[in-house]
Amino acid sequence: MHSSEGMNQVETIQTPVELEVFGRSDVGRVYAHNEDAFVVADLTRPEPVDAMPGPIGLQVGARGLLLAVSDGVGGANAGEVASALTLRVLRDALATVTAVGPGEALVAAVETANTVVFRAAGAAAHSGMCATLVAVLLHGNEAFVAEVGDSRAYLLRGDELVQLTRDQSCAQLLLEAGALTPESASEFNSNVILQAMGHSEAVEVALHRVALHHGDRILLCSDGLTREISDDQIQTAITIAPTLDRACSDLIDAANAAGGNDNITAVLAVVQGDALPRRTAVDHVAVEDVRAYQGSSTETSAPAGHFAAAGQEGAPS
C-alpha cells in the first residue's frame, strides 16, 4: 500500500526544467516486423507520444516526464504485443500511482506493468511473450532510471558518456567475472538475458538516480543499437549531429550499416533549464544505484535459456 499523502507532496514540486526529445525505431535488415516500441509522455497530460516527425519540446511538470524503450521477445508469439503493453501500462500506472517519491512510483509502475504482461502471456496466442524495459522518469532536477533486461540508458555530459544501466545478461555476468573481455563480450550471444517483463510473476526492478545538469543528453536504446556499434561511435554520433533527429538517424544508419541484425530504437533528449547547474571542467556524472539488480527474485538459468531460444528462432529481441 502506498501513501497518497506522499504522492501529493511529490506533485507540489514545480520546476522550469525543459526537455527537447526525439525518438525513432527501425526494423533493421533481418526481420520482417518491428517488436521494439518507445514512448515519451508528459505525465500531467492524457496522451503519450510514440511517434514524431521531428523533435518536440516539453516541460517537466508536477508528475514528471517519462521516456521509455521496450524490446519485445517472442517473435510469432507476440513480442510486439508485450513491448506495446509494457509501455502502455507503465505510462498509465505512473499517471495515477500514489507513492512516497518519484523513484518509488517508477518501481511500482514497472511492477504493475510486469503483472499485466505476465497475465496476458497466459493466453495461447501470446504464450511466451515478454519484453525488456528501460525507463527514465525526469522529475525536478533528477532522472530516475529503471531497467529490466538489456535495453540501455546513457547520459552524455560534455565529453563524458556514462552508461546509466547495467545489462541483466549472461554476457554482463561473464564480463564482470573476468571470463570475458570487453572485446570478446561484443561477440558473445547477447540475446541471453536474465529477466524480462512478463516472463515471471515477479520482477526485480533495478533503479538508478542521477542529478541533471543543463545540456545533459540522455539516450535510451534497444540492444539492436548497442550490439552493432560501440559506445565511442554512439558518443561521436550524438556529439556531431546538429539536431536530435539527425543524431537518431545517424545512430540507426550506423547500426544498419554494421549488419542491422535486430530491430533498432533510439530515443534522445537534451535537458535544459536555468535552475539546473552548468557543467564545470571537474564535474563528472555521478550515478546512484538506488536498487541494484541481484538476480534474487528470478531464476537466472531458466530465463537465460528461454530468451536465447527466442532470439535464435527468428524473433527479434
C-alpha atoms as a PDB file:
ATOM      1  CA  MET A   1       0.000   0.000   0.000  1.00  0.00           C
ATOM      2  CA  HIS A   2       1.391   3.382  -0.998  1.00  0.00           C
ATOM      3  CA  SER A   3       0.736   6.659   0.757  1.00  0.00           C
ATOM      4  CA  SER A   4      -1.416   9.161  -1.137  1.00  0.00           C
ATOM      5  CA  GLU A   5      -0.107  11.874   1.171  1.00  0.00           C
ATOM      6  CA  GLY A   6       3.431  11.231  -0.087  1.00  0.00           C
ATOM      7  CA  MET A   7       2.447  11.463  -3.755  1.00  0.00           C
ATOM      8  CA  ASN A   8       0.587  14.689  -3.110  1.00  0.00           C
ATOM      9  CA  GLN A   9       3.837  16.051  -1.745  1.00  0.00           C
ATOM     10  CA  VAL A  10       5.619  14.939  -4.924  1.00  0.00           C
ATOM     11  CA  GLU A  11       3.042  16.732  -7.057  1.00  0.00           C
ATOM     12  CA  THR A  12       3.697  20.085  -5.386  1.00  0.00           C
ATOM     13  CA  ILE A  13       7.247  20.251  -6.761  1.00  0.00           C
ATOM     14  CA  GLN A  14       7.471  22.788  -9.585  1.00  0.00           C
ATOM     15  CA  THR A  15      10.445  23.198 -11.893  1.00  0.00           C
ATOM     16  CA  PRO A  16      11.350  25.148 -15.037  1.00  0.00           C
ATOM     17  CA  VAL A  17      13.345  22.212 -16.435  1.00  0.00           C
ATOM     18  CA  GLU A  18      12.655  21.669 -20.132  1.00  0.00           C
ATOM     19  CA  LEU A  19      13.320  18.805 -22.482  1.00  0.00           C
ATOM     20  CA  GLU A  20      13.771  18.547 -26.224  1.00  0.00           C
ATOM     21  CA  VAL A  21      13.315  14.948 -27.354  1.00  0.00           C
ATOM     22  CA  PHE A  22      13.127  12.792 -30.452  1.00  0.00           C
ATOM     23  CA  GLY A  23      12.646   9.059 -30.931  1.00  0.00           C
ATOM     24  CA  ARG A  24      12.887   6.697 -33.868  1.00  0.00           C
ATOM     25  CA  SER A  25      12.512   2.934 -34.292  1.00  0.00           C
ATOM     26  CA  ASP A  26      13.664   0.873 -37.269  1.00  0.00           C
ATOM     27  CA  VAL A  27      13.039  -2.750 -38.235  1.00  0.00           C
ATOM     28  CA  GLY A  28      16.687  -3.367 -39.169  1.00  0.00           C
ATOM     29  CA  ARG A  29      17.852  -5.539 -42.044  1.00  0.00           C
ATOM     30  CA  VAL A  30      16.947  -9.064 -40.902  1.00  0.00           C
ATOM     31  CA  TYR A  31      13.431  -9.239 -39.511  1.00  0.00           C
ATOM     32  CA  ALA A  32      10.153  -8.571 -41.271  1.00  0.00           C
ATOM     33  CA  HIS A  33       8.489  -6.749 -38.387  1.00  0.00           C
ATOM     34  CA  ASN A  34       9.471  -4.491 -35.532  1.00  0.00           C
ATOM     35  CA  GLU A  35       8.998  -5.673 -31.932  1.00  0.00           C
ATOM     36  CA  ASP A  36      10.614  -2.583 -30.389  1.00  0.00           C
ATOM     37  CA  ALA A  37       8.488   0.239 -29.026  1.00  0.00           C
ATOM     38  CA  PHE A  38       9.089   3.565 -27.333  1.00  0.00           C
ATOM     39  CA  VAL A  39       7.064   6.203 -25.554  1.00  0.00           C
ATOM     40  CA  VAL A  40       7.510   9.820 -24.487  1.00  0.00           C
ATOM     41  CA  ALA A  41       4.905  11.043 -22.019  1.00  0.00           C
ATOM     42  CA  ASP A  42       4.200  14.202 -20.072  1.00  0.00           C
ATOM     43  CA  LEU A  43       2.502  12.544 -17.117  1.00  0.00           C
ATOM     44  CA  THR A  44       0.294  15.562 -16.472  1.00  0.00           C
ATOM     45  CA  ARG A  45      -1.326  15.146 -19.910  1.00  0.00           C
ATOM     46  CA  PRO A  46      -3.649  12.387 -21.141  1.00  0.00           C
ATOM     47  CA  GLU A  47      -1.916  11.346 -24.353  1.00  0.00           C
ATOM     48  CA  PRO A  48       1.616   9.898 -24.706  1.00  0.00           C
ATOM     49  CA  VAL A  49       3.832  10.305 -27.774  1.00  0.00           C
ATOM     50  CA  ASP A  50       5.069   7.152 -29.511  1.00  0.00           C
ATOM     51  CA  ALA A  51       5.871   8.572 -32.958  1.00  0.00           C
ATOM     52  CA  MET A  52       7.101  12.001 -34.001  1.00  0.00           C
ATOM     53  CA  PRO A  53       8.074  13.684 -37.294  1.00  0.00           C
ATOM     54  CA  GLY A  54      10.648  15.873 -35.539  1.00  0.00           C
ATOM     55  CA  PRO A  55      11.965  16.859 -32.109  1.00  0.00           C
ATOM     56  CA  ILE A  56       9.396  18.129 -29.632  1.00  0.00           C
ATOM     57  CA  GLY A  57       9.760  20.383 -26.599  1.00  0.00           C
ATOM     58  CA  LEU A  58       8.245  19.508 -23.236  1.00  0.00           C
ATOM     59  CA  GLN A  59       8.373  20.982 -19.756  1.00  0.00           C
ATOM     60  CA  VAL A  60       8.957  18.745 -16.751  1.00  0.00           C
ATOM     61  CA  GLY A  61       5.682  19.128 -14.884  1.00  0.00           C
ATOM     62  CA  ALA A  62       4.470  18.155 -11.436  1.00  0.00           C
ATOM     63  CA  ARG A  63       4.291  14.425 -12.141  1.00  0.00           C
ATOM     64  CA  GLY A  64       7.360  14.382 -14.376  1.00  0.00           C
ATOM     65  CA  LEU A  65       8.222  13.225 -17.883  1.00  0.00           C
ATOM     66  CA  LEU A  66       8.585   9.602 -18.941  1.00  0.00           C
ATOM     67  CA  LEU A  67      10.934   8.273 -21.622  1.00  0.00           C
ATOM     68  CA  ALA A  68      10.916   4.522 -22.195  1.00  0.00           C
ATOM     69  CA  VAL A  69      12.037   1.849 -24.658  1.00  0.00           C
ATOM     70  CA  SER A  70      10.852  -1.752 -24.695  1.00  0.00           C
ATOM     71  CA  ASP A  71      12.207  -4.598 -26.829  1.00  0.00           C
ATOM     72  CA  GLY A  72       9.733  -7.437 -27.380  1.00  0.00           C
ATOM     73  CA  VAL A  73      10.755 -11.077 -27.086  1.00  0.00           C
ATOM     74  CA  GLY A  74       8.690 -13.842 -28.617  1.00  0.00           C
ATOM     75  CA  GLY A  75       8.530 -13.441 -32.388  1.00  0.00           C
ATOM     76  CA  ALA A  76       5.421 -15.223 -33.632  1.00  0.00           C
ATOM     77  CA  ASN A  77       4.232 -15.295 -30.014  1.00  0.00           C
ATOM     78  CA  ALA A  78       3.608 -11.553 -29.993  1.00  0.00           C
ATOM     79  CA  GLY A  79       6.781  -9.862 -28.801  1.00  0.00           C
ATOM     80  CA  GLU A  80       5.404  -6.653 -30.277  1.00  0.00           C
ATOM     81  CA  VAL A  81       2.316  -7.045 -28.102  1.00  0.00           C
ATOM     82  CA  ALA A  82       4.492  -7.422 -25.000  1.00  0.00           C
ATOM     83  CA  SER A  83       6.527  -4.278 -25.695  1.00  0.00           C
ATOM     84  CA  ALA A  84       3.479  -2.144 -26.526  1.00  0.00           C
ATOM     85  CA  LEU A  85       1.563  -3.431 -23.498  1.00  0.00           C
ATOM     86  CA  THR A  86       4.551  -2.838 -21.210  1.00  0.00           C
ATOM     87  CA  LEU A  87       4.774   0.812 -22.218  1.00  0.00           C
ATOM     88  CA  ARG A  88       1.032   1.480 -22.134  1.00  0.00           C
ATOM     89  CA  VAL A  89       0.592   0.064 -18.642  1.00  0.00           C
ATOM     90  CA  LEU A  90       3.767   1.739 -17.406  1.00  0.00           C
ATOM     91  CA  ARG A  91       2.599   5.136 -18.576  1.00  0.00           C
ATOM     92  CA  ASP A  92      -0.946   4.694 -17.243  1.00  0.00           C
ATOM     93  CA  ALA A  93       0.303   3.468 -13.869  1.00  0.00           C
ATOM     94  CA  LEU A  94       2.751   6.357 -13.479  1.00  0.00           C
ATOM     95  CA  ALA A  95       0.000   8.866 -14.251  1.00  0.00           C
ATOM     96  CA  THR A  96      -2.114   7.575 -11.362  1.00  0.00           C
ATOM     97  CA  VAL A  97       0.167   5.798  -8.874  1.00  0.00           C
ATOM     98  CA  THR A  98       0.450   7.027  -5.308  1.00  0.00           C
ATOM     99  CA  ALA A  99       3.912   6.710  -3.760  1.00  0.00           C
ATOM    100  CA  VAL A 100       6.252   8.484  -1.392  1.00  0.00           C
ATOM    101  CA  GLY A 101       8.515   9.711  -4.180  1.00  0.00           C
ATOM    102  CA  PRO A 102       9.239   9.501  -7.932  1.00  0.00           C
ATOM    103  CA  GLY A 103      11.687   6.599  -7.639  1.00  0.00           C
ATOM    104  CA  GLU A 104       9.206   4.512  -5.679  1.00  0.00           C
ATOM    105  CA  ALA A 105       6.458   5.478  -8.120  1.00  0.00           C
ATOM    106  CA  LEU A 106       8.556   4.305 -11.070  1.00  0.00           C
ATOM    107  CA  VAL A 107       9.343   0.954  -9.452  1.00  0.00           C
ATOM    108  CA  ALA A 108       5.679   0.414  -8.550  1.00  0.00           C
ATOM    109  CA  ALA A 109       4.593   1.211 -12.117  1.00  0.00           C
ATOM    110  CA  VAL A 110       7.143  -1.217 -13.594  1.00  0.00           C
ATOM    111  CA  GLU A 111       5.935  -3.944 -11.241  1.00  0.00           C
ATOM    112  CA  THR A 112       2.334  -3.251 -12.266  1.00  0.00           C
ATOM    113  CA  ALA A 113       3.256  -3.459 -15.953  1.00  0.00           C
ATOM    114  CA  ASN A 114       5.073  -6.753 -15.372  1.00  0.00           C
ATOM    115  CA  THR A 115       1.989  -8.246 -13.717  1.00  0.00           C
ATOM    116  CA  VAL A 116      -0.271  -7.215 -16.591  1.00  0.00           C
ATOM    117  CA  VAL A 117       2.111  -8.582 -19.254  1.00  0.00           C
ATOM    118  CA  PHE A 118       2.581 -11.834 -17.309  1.00  0.00           C
ATOM    119  CA  ARG A 119      -1.156 -12.405 -17.139  1.00  0.00           C
ATOM    120  CA  ALA A 120      -1.597 -11.545 -20.823  1.00  0.00           C
ATOM    121  CA  ALA A 121       1.147 -14.034 -21.701  1.00  0.00           C
ATOM    122  CA  GLY A 122      -1.051 -16.775 -20.282  1.00  0.00           C
ATOM    123  CA  ALA A 123      -3.258 -16.615 -23.382  1.00  0.00           C
ATOM    124  CA  ALA A 124      -2.425 -19.219 -26.003  1.00  0.00           C
ATOM    125  CA  ALA A 125      -1.933 -16.627 -28.731  1.00  0.00           C
ATOM    126  CA  HIS A 126       0.601 -14.760 -26.602  1.00  0.00           C
ATOM    127  CA  SER A 127       2.273 -17.663 -24.827  1.00  0.00           C
ATOM    128  CA  GLY A 128       5.898 -16.934 -24.007  1.00  0.00           C
ATOM    129  CA  MET A 129       5.791 -13.251 -24.875  1.00  0.00           C
ATOM    130  CA  CYS A 130       7.826 -10.846 -22.772  1.00  0.00           C
ATOM    131  CA  ALA A 131       9.910  -7.701 -23.218  1.00  0.00           C
ATOM    132  CA  THR A 132      12.844  -5.725 -21.917  1.00  0.00           C
ATOM    133  CA  LEU A 133      12.335  -2.266 -20.460  1.00  0.00           C
ATOM    134  CA  VAL A 134      14.412   0.819 -19.811  1.00  0.00           C
ATOM    135  CA  ALA A 135      12.511   3.791 -18.437  1.00  0.00           C
ATOM    136  CA  VAL A 136      13.657   7.251 -17.384  1.00  0.00           C
ATOM    137  CA  LEU A 137      11.419   9.397 -15.202  1.00  0.00           C
ATOM    138  CA  LEU A 138      12.546  13.026 -15.126  1.00  0.00           C
ATOM    139  CA  HIS A 139      11.298  14.770 -12.027  1.00  0.00           C
ATOM    140  CA  GLY A 140      12.534  18.101 -10.738  1.00  0.00           C
ATOM    141  CA  ASN A 141      16.273  18.241 -11.362  1.00  0.00           C
ATOM    142  CA  GLU A 142      16.772  14.468 -11.235  1.00  0.00           C
ATOM    143  CA  ALA A 143      16.382  11.470 -13.511  1.00  0.00           C
ATOM    144  CA  PHE A 144      15.284   8.089 -12.155  1.00  0.00           C
ATOM    145  CA  VAL A 145      16.230   5.134 -14.356  1.00  0.00           C
ATOM    146  CA  ALA A 146      14.515   1.730 -14.130  1.00  0.00           C
ATOM    147  CA  GLU A 147      15.618  -1.325 -16.065  1.00  0.00           C
ATOM    148  CA  VAL A 148      14.598  -4.910 -16.719  1.00  0.00           C
ATOM    149  CA  GLY A 149      16.679  -6.833 -19.267  1.00  0.00           C
ATOM    150  CA  ASP A 150      19.359  -5.374 -21.518  1.00  0.00           C
ATOM    151  CA  SER A 151      17.946  -2.235 -23.109  1.00  0.00           C
ATOM    152  CA  ARG A 152      20.168   0.669 -22.090  1.00  0.00           C
ATOM    153  CA  ALA A 153      20.208   4.290 -20.983  1.00  0.00           C
ATOM    154  CA  TYR A 154      23.207   6.603 -21.388  1.00  0.00           C
ATOM    155  CA  LEU A 155      23.939  10.151 -20.267  1.00  0.00           C
ATOM    156  CA  LEU A 156      26.321  12.393 -22.202  1.00  0.00           C
ATOM    157  CA  ARG A 157      27.654  15.389 -20.274  1.00  0.00           C
ATOM    158  CA  GLY A 158      30.248  17.364 -22.207  1.00  0.00           C
ATOM    159  CA  ASP A 159      32.670  14.725 -23.475  1.00  0.00           C
ATOM    160  CA  GLU A 160      31.771  12.123 -20.821  1.00  0.00           C
ATOM    161  CA  LEU A 161      29.419   9.329 -21.888  1.00  0.00           C
ATOM    162  CA  VAL A 162      28.150   7.220 -18.975  1.00  0.00           C
ATOM    163  CA  GLN A 163      26.029   4.080 -19.197  1.00  0.00           C
ATOM    164  CA  LEU A 164      23.325   4.552 -16.570  1.00  0.00           C
ATOM    165  CA  THR A 165      22.127   0.943 -16.725  1.00  0.00           C
ATOM    166  CA  ARG A 166      23.792  -2.434 -16.227  1.00  0.00           C
ATOM    167  CA  ASP A 167      22.813  -5.196 -18.655  1.00  0.00           C
ATOM    168  CA  GLN A 168      20.937  -8.039 -16.979  1.00  0.00           C
ATOM    169  CA  SER A 169      22.513 -10.594 -19.278  1.00  0.00           C
ATOM    170  CA  CYS A 170      24.781 -13.616 -19.233  1.00  0.00           C
ATOM    171  CA  ALA A 171      27.394 -11.642 -21.166  1.00  0.00           C
ATOM    172  CA  GLN A 172      27.476  -8.988 -18.438  1.00  0.00           C
ATOM    173  CA  LEU A 173      27.840 -11.603 -15.695  1.00  0.00           C
ATOM    174  CA  LEU A 174      30.740 -13.264 -17.512  1.00  0.00           C
ATOM    175  CA  LEU A 175      32.354  -9.895 -18.183  1.00  0.00           C
ATOM    176  CA  GLU A 176      32.210  -8.947 -14.508  1.00  0.00           C
ATOM    177  CA  ALA A 177      33.547 -12.370 -13.518  1.00  0.00           C
ATOM    178  CA  GLY A 178      36.533 -11.906 -15.812  1.00  0.00           C
ATOM    179  CA  ALA A 179      35.508 -14.782 -18.088  1.00  0.00           C
ATOM    180  CA  LEU A 180      35.017 -12.372 -20.991  1.00  0.00           C
ATOM    181  CA  THR A 181      36.966  -9.311 -22.077  1.00  0.00           C
ATOM    182  CA  PRO A 182      35.101  -6.233 -23.322  1.00  0.00           C
ATOM    183  CA  GLU A 183      36.187  -7.199 -26.842  1.00  0.00           C
ATOM    184  CA  SER A 184      35.011 -10.823 -26.601  1.00  0.00           C
ATOM    185  CA  ALA A 185      31.793  -9.767 -24.867  1.00  0.00           C
ATOM    186  CA  SER A 186      30.719  -7.999 -28.046  1.00  0.00           C
ATOM    187  CA  GLU A 187      30.909 -11.357 -29.853  1.00  0.00           C
ATOM    188  CA  PHE A 188      29.041 -13.256 -27.149  1.00  0.00           C
ATOM    189  CA  ASN A 189      25.395 -14.278 -27.698  1.00  0.00           C
ATOM    190  CA  SER A 190      23.907 -11.240 -26.005  1.00  0.00           C
ATOM    191  CA  ASN A 191      20.338 -12.466 -26.638  1.00  0.00           C
ATOM    192  CA  VAL A 192      20.711 -14.354 -23.349  1.00  0.00           C
ATOM    193  CA  ILE A 193      19.097 -12.121 -20.732  1.00  0.00           C
ATOM    194  CA  LEU A 194      18.324 -12.911 -17.111  1.00  0.00           C
ATOM    195  CA  GLN A 195      14.846 -11.458 -16.741  1.00  0.00           C
ATOM    196  CA  ALA A 196      12.182  -9.696 -18.769  1.00  0.00           C
ATOM    197  CA  MET A 197       8.819  -8.056 -18.354  1.00  0.00           C
ATOM    198  CA  GLY A 198       6.092 -10.700 -18.267  1.00  0.00           C
ATOM    199  CA  HIS A 199       8.356 -13.740 -18.073  1.00  0.00           C
ATOM    200  CA  SER A 200       7.737 -14.340 -14.370  1.00  0.00           C
ATOM    201  CA  GLU A 201       5.073 -13.240 -11.924  1.00  0.00           C
ATOM    202  CA  ALA A 202       7.634 -11.149 -10.027  1.00  0.00           C
ATOM    203  CA  VAL A 203      10.298  -8.889 -11.478  1.00  0.00           C
ATOM    204  CA  GLU A 204      13.336  -7.342  -9.794  1.00  0.00           C
ATOM    205  CA  VAL A 205      13.478  -3.706 -10.872  1.00  0.00           C
ATOM    206  CA  ALA A 206      16.899  -2.057 -10.855  1.00  0.00           C
ATOM    207  CA  LEU A 207      16.692   1.656 -10.092  1.00  0.00           C
ATOM    208  CA  HIS A 208      19.314   4.387 -10.516  1.00  0.00           C
ATOM    209  CA  ARG A 209      19.256   8.120  -9.844  1.00  0.00           C
ATOM    210  CA  VAL A 210      21.308  10.939 -11.340  1.00  0.00           C
ATOM    211  CA  ALA A 211      21.244  14.696 -10.767  1.00  0.00           C
ATOM    212  CA  LEU A 212      20.758  16.596 -14.020  1.00  0.00           C
ATOM    213  CA  HIS A 213      22.861  19.420 -15.443  1.00  0.00           C
ATOM    214  CA  HIS A 214      21.977  21.934 -18.121  1.00  0.00           C
ATOM    215  CA  GLY A 215      22.795  20.446 -21.511  1.00  0.00           C
ATOM    216  CA  ASP A 216      22.795  16.795 -20.425  1.00  0.00           C
ATOM    217  CA  ARG A 217      21.817  14.442 -23.236  1.00  0.00           C
ATOM    218  CA  ILE A 218      20.009  11.211 -22.407  1.00  0.00           C
ATOM    219  CA  LEU A 219      19.857   8.262 -24.794  1.00  0.00           C
ATOM    220  CA  LEU A 220      17.583   5.242 -24.403  1.00  0.00           C
ATOM    221  CA  CYS A 221      18.059   2.380 -26.858  1.00  0.00           C
ATOM    222  CA  SER A 222      17.412  -1.273 -27.554  1.00  0.00           C
ATOM    223  CA  ASP A 223      20.221  -3.777 -27.975  1.00  0.00           C
ATOM    224  CA  GLY A 224      19.760  -3.622 -31.732  1.00  0.00           C
ATOM    225  CA  LEU A 225      21.864  -0.465 -31.474  1.00  0.00           C
ATOM    226  CA  THR A 226      24.423  -1.446 -28.850  1.00  0.00           C
ATOM    227  CA  ARG A 227      25.155  -4.885 -30.316  1.00  0.00           C
ATOM    228  CA  GLU A 228      26.138  -3.261 -33.606  1.00  0.00           C
ATOM    229  CA  ILE A 229      28.079  -0.118 -32.683  1.00  0.00           C
ATOM    230  CA  SER A 230      30.429   0.872 -29.876  1.00  0.00           C
ATOM    231  CA  ASP A 231      29.994   3.450 -27.134  1.00  0.00           C
ATOM    232  CA  ASP A 232      32.591   5.600 -28.906  1.00  0.00           C
ATOM    233  CA  GLN A 233      30.502   5.554 -32.070  1.00  0.00           C
ATOM    234  CA  ILE A 234      27.406   6.435 -30.066  1.00  0.00           C
ATOM    235  CA  GLN A 235      29.143   9.387 -28.421  1.00  0.00           C
ATOM    236  CA  THR A 236      30.505  10.677 -31.727  1.00  0.00           C
ATOM    237  CA  ALA A 237      27.113  10.484 -33.447  1.00  0.00           C
ATOM    238  CA  ILE A 238      25.364  12.342 -30.640  1.00  0.00           C
ATOM    239  CA  THR A 239      28.101  14.957 -30.360  1.00  0.00           C
ATOM    240  CA  ILE A 240      28.472  15.933 -34.007  1.00  0.00           C
ATOM    241  CA  ALA A 241      24.848  15.768 -35.134  1.00  0.00           C
ATOM    242  CA  PRO A 242      23.268  19.242 -35.444  1.00  0.00           C
ATOM    243  CA  THR A 243      19.829  18.057 -34.262  1.00  0.00           C
ATOM    244  CA  LEU A 244      18.341  15.264 -32.182  1.00  0.00           C
ATOM    245  CA  ASP A 245      16.533  13.695 -35.125  1.00  0.00           C
ATOM    246  CA  ARG A 246      19.735  13.702 -37.164  1.00  0.00           C
ATOM    247  CA  ALA A 247      21.583  12.046 -34.284  1.00  0.00           C
ATOM    248  CA  CYS A 248      18.959   9.283 -34.009  1.00  0.00           C
ATOM    249  CA  SER A 249      19.040   8.727 -37.770  1.00  0.00           C
ATOM    250  CA  ASP A 250      22.852   8.580 -37.768  1.00  0.00           C
ATOM    251  CA  LEU A 251      22.833   6.045 -34.919  1.00  0.00           C
ATOM    252  CA  ILE A 252      20.300   3.810 -36.647  1.00  0.00           C
ATOM    253  CA  ASP A 253      22.051   4.132 -40.009  1.00  0.00           C
ATOM    254  CA  ALA A 254      25.332   3.093 -38.391  1.00  0.00           C
ATOM    255  CA  ALA A 255      23.710   0.060 -36.763  1.00  0.00           C
ATOM    256  CA  ASN A 256      22.168  -0.975 -40.067  1.00  0.00           C
ATOM    257  CA  ALA A 257      25.485  -0.493 -41.854  1.00  0.00           C
ATOM    258  CA  ALA A 258      27.098  -2.792 -39.291  1.00  0.00           C
ATOM    259  CA  GLY A 259      24.576  -5.534 -40.032  1.00  0.00           C
ATOM    260  CA  GLY A 260      21.178  -4.415 -38.755  1.00  0.00           C
ATOM    261  CA  ASN A 261      20.674  -7.825 -37.186  1.00  0.00           C
ATOM    262  CA  ASP A 262      17.866  -6.731 -34.894  1.00  0.00           C
ATOM    263  CA  ASN A 263      15.236  -4.027 -34.525  1.00  0.00           C
ATOM    264  CA  ILE A 264      16.848  -0.703 -33.575  1.00  0.00           C
ATOM    265  CA  THR A 265      15.350   2.021 -31.392  1.00  0.00           C
ATOM    266  CA  ALA A 266      16.864   5.278 -30.145  1.00  0.00           C
ATOM    267  CA  VAL A 267      15.232   7.973 -28.022  1.00  0.00           C
ATOM    268  CA  LEU A 268      17.433  11.021 -27.468  1.00  0.00           C
ATOM    269  CA  ALA A 269      16.717  14.023 -25.240  1.00  0.00           C
ATOM    270  CA  VAL A 270      18.555  17.159 -24.168  1.00  0.00           C
ATOM    271  CA  VAL A 271      17.782  18.693 -20.774  1.00  0.00           C
ATOM    272  CA  GLN A 272      17.795  22.464 -20.325  1.00  0.00           C
ATOM    273  CA  GLY A 273      16.819  24.946 -17.646  1.00  0.00           C
ATOM    274  CA  ASP A 274      18.101  27.936 -15.723  1.00  0.00           C
ATOM    275  CA  ALA A 275      17.535  26.088 -12.449  1.00  0.00           C
ATOM    276  CA  LEU A 276      19.964  23.344 -13.463  1.00  0.00           C
ATOM    277  CA  PRO A 277      23.676  23.619 -12.661  1.00  0.00           C
ATOM    278  CA  ARG A 278      26.121  24.183 -15.505  1.00  0.00           C
ATOM    279  CA  ARG A 279      28.834  21.656 -16.164  1.00  0.00           C
ATOM    280  CA  THR A 280      32.309  22.531 -14.930  1.00  0.00           C
ATOM    281  CA  ALA A 281      35.689  21.159 -16.003  1.00  0.00           C
ATOM    282  CA  VAL A 282      35.892  18.956 -12.909  1.00  0.00           C
ATOM    283  CA  ASP A 283      32.255  17.854 -12.907  1.00  0.00           C
ATOM    284  CA  HIS A 284      31.555  14.175 -13.571  1.00  0.00           C
ATOM    285  CA  VAL A 285      28.370  12.171 -13.872  1.00  0.00           C
ATOM    286  CA  ALA A 286      27.537  10.539 -10.529  1.00  0.00           C
ATOM    287  CA  VAL A 287      25.042   7.675 -10.723  1.00  0.00           C
ATOM    288  CA  GLU A 288      23.446   6.381  -7.529  1.00  0.00           C
ATOM    289  CA  ASP A 289      22.331   2.748  -7.501  1.00  0.00           C
ATOM    290  CA  VAL A 290      19.134   3.014  -5.500  1.00  0.00           C
ATOM    291  CA  ARG A 291      18.148  -0.617  -6.140  1.00  0.00           C
ATOM    292  CA  ALA A 292      20.754  -2.871  -7.712  1.00  0.00           C
ATOM    293  CA  TYR A 293      19.700  -5.995  -9.605  1.00  0.00           C
ATOM    294  CA  GLN A 294      20.785  -9.044  -7.590  1.00  0.00           C
ATOM    295  CA  GLY A 295      19.083 -11.811  -9.530  1.00  0.00           C
ATOM    296  CA  SER A 296      17.410 -12.946  -6.331  1.00  0.00           C
ATOM    297  CA  SER A 297      13.786 -12.829  -7.482  1.00  0.00           C
ATOM    298  CA  THR A 298      14.271 -14.620 -10.790  1.00  0.00           C
ATOM    299  CA  GLU A 299      15.662 -17.977 -11.836  1.00  0.00           C
ATOM    300  CA  THR A 300      18.650 -16.818 -13.814  1.00  0.00           C
ATOM    301  CA  SER A 301      19.452 -20.058 -15.625  1.00  0.00           C
ATOM    302  CA  ALA A 302      15.922 -20.833 -16.865  1.00  0.00           C
ATOM    303  CA  PRO A 303      15.164 -17.374 -18.268  1.00  0.00           C
ATOM    304  CA  ALA A 304      18.556 -17.242 -19.951  1.00  0.00           C
ATOM    305  CA  GLY A 305      17.914 -20.404 -21.908  1.00  0.00           C
ATOM    306  CA  HIS A 306      14.367 -19.336 -22.766  1.00  0.00           C
ATOM    307  CA  PHE A 307      15.410 -15.967 -24.107  1.00  0.00           C
ATOM    308  CA  ALA A 308      18.333 -17.435 -26.028  1.00  0.00           C
ATOM    309  CA  ALA A 309      15.961 -19.802 -27.800  1.00  0.00           C
ATOM    310  CA  ALA A 310      13.549 -16.997 -28.573  1.00  0.00           C
ATOM    311  CA  GLY A 311      16.318 -14.876 -30.013  1.00  0.00           C
ATOM    312  CA  GLN A 312      17.738 -17.680 -32.129  1.00  0.00           C
ATOM    313  CA  GLU A 313      14.486 -18.853 -33.677  1.00  0.00           C
ATOM    314  CA  GLY A 314      13.760 -15.855 -35.812  1.00  0.00           C
ATOM    315  CA  ALA A 315      12.490 -13.494 -33.153  1.00  0.00           C
ATOM    316  CA  PRO A 316      13.927 -10.066 -32.608  1.00  0.00           C
ATOM    317  CA  SER A 317      14.912  -9.442 -29.007  1.00  0.00           C
END
